[in-house]
Amino acid sequence: MSDKKGTGFKSVVLSALSAAFGVQKRSNLERDFHKGKPAQFIIAGIVGTLLFVLILITVVHMVTQNP
């Protein structure tokens, strides 16, 4: 990845997941602030949150179903 290029899809997803769990490295945080676009991380956060909620709803629905 060149210095002029922004962060890639994989980088954005991994950064959003790391930030969600609170375990992101300082070097990655600085890279994201210098090279990344805020919209990328906002979208990744919203999509990740929606997926998490949908998975929880699905699991709860499956567990509470009558056999």
Protein backbone atom coordinates (compact mmCIF):
# COMPACT_ATOMS: atom_id res chain seq x y z
CA MET A 1 0.00 0.00 0.00
CA SER A 2 1.52 3.35 -0.96
CA ASP A 3 1.59 6.35 1.35
CA LYS A 4 -0.74 8.34 -0.91
CA LYS A 5 -3.44 5.68 -0.98
CA GLY A 6 -6.17 5.47 1.67
CA THR A 7 -6.93 2.44 3.76
CA GLY A 8 -8.30 -0.62 1.98
CA PHE A 9 -11.47 -2.57 2.62
CA LYS A 10 -9.73 -5.21 4.73
CA SER A 11 -8.00 -2.56 6.82
CA VAL A 12 -11.24 -0.71 7.47
CA VAL A 13 -13.10 -3.88 8.50
CA LEU A 14 -10.29 -5.04 10.79
CA SER A 15 -9.98 -1.60 12.35
CA ALA A 16 -13.73 -1.39 12.97
CA LEU A 17 -13.75 -4.85 14.58
CA SER A 18 -10.70 -4.05 16.70
CA ALA A 19 -12.23 -0.77 17.82
CA ALA A 20 -15.50 -2.51 18.70
CA PHE A 21 -13.62 -4.84 21.05
CA GLY A 22 -11.29 -2.08 22.27
CA VAL A 23 -8.06 -3.83 21.27
CA GLN A 24 -6.79 -1.73 18.38
CA LYS A 25 -3.04 -1.02 18.16
CA ARG A 26 -1.88 2.57 18.47
CA SER A 27 -0.06 2.34 15.10
CA ASN A 28 -3.27 1.23 13.36
CA LEU A 29 -5.23 4.01 15.04
CA GLU A 30 -2.75 6.61 13.81
CA ARG A 31 -2.76 5.10 10.30
CA ASP A 32 -6.55 5.25 10.21
CA PHE A 33 -6.61 8.90 11.29
CA HIS A 34 -3.97 9.93 8.76
CA LYS A 35 -4.98 7.87 5.72
CA GLY A 36 -8.57 6.82 6.24
CA LYS A 37 -11.77 8.63 5.40
CA PRO A 38 -14.29 8.98 8.24
CA ALA A 39 -17.17 7.79 6.04
CA GLN A 40 -15.47 4.41 5.55
CA PHE A 41 -15.29 3.78 9.28
CA ILE A 42 -18.79 5.10 9.97
CA ILE A 43 -20.26 2.78 7.33
CA ALA A 44 -18.21 -0.18 8.61
CA GLY A 45 -19.40 0.50 12.16
CA ILE A 46 -23.06 0.75 11.14
CA VAL A 47 -22.90 -2.41 9.01
CA GLY A 48 -21.06 -4.30 11.76
CA THR A 49 -23.59 -3.21 14.37
CA LEU A 50 -26.52 -4.21 12.17
CA LEU A 51 -24.99 -7.63 11.52
CA PHE A 52 -24.37 -8.13 15.24
CA VAL A 53 -27.98 -7.23 16.11
CA LEU A 54 -29.39 -9.47 13.35
CA ILE A 55 -27.27 -12.39 14.55
CA LEU A 56 -28.47 -11.85 18.13
CA ILE A 57 -32.10 -11.70 17.02
CA THR A 58 -31.67 -14.89 14.98
CA VAL A 59 -30.02 -16.77 17.85
CA VAL A 60 -32.67 -15.67 20.35
CA HIS A 61 -35.42 -16.63 17.91
CA MET A 62 -33.88 -20.07 17.36
CA VAL A 63 -33.42 -20.71 21.09
CA THR A 64 -36.92 -19.61 22.08
CA GLN A 65 -38.77 -21.56 19.38
CA ASN A 66 -40.99 -24.38 20.60
CA PRO A 67 -39.81 -27.76 19.28
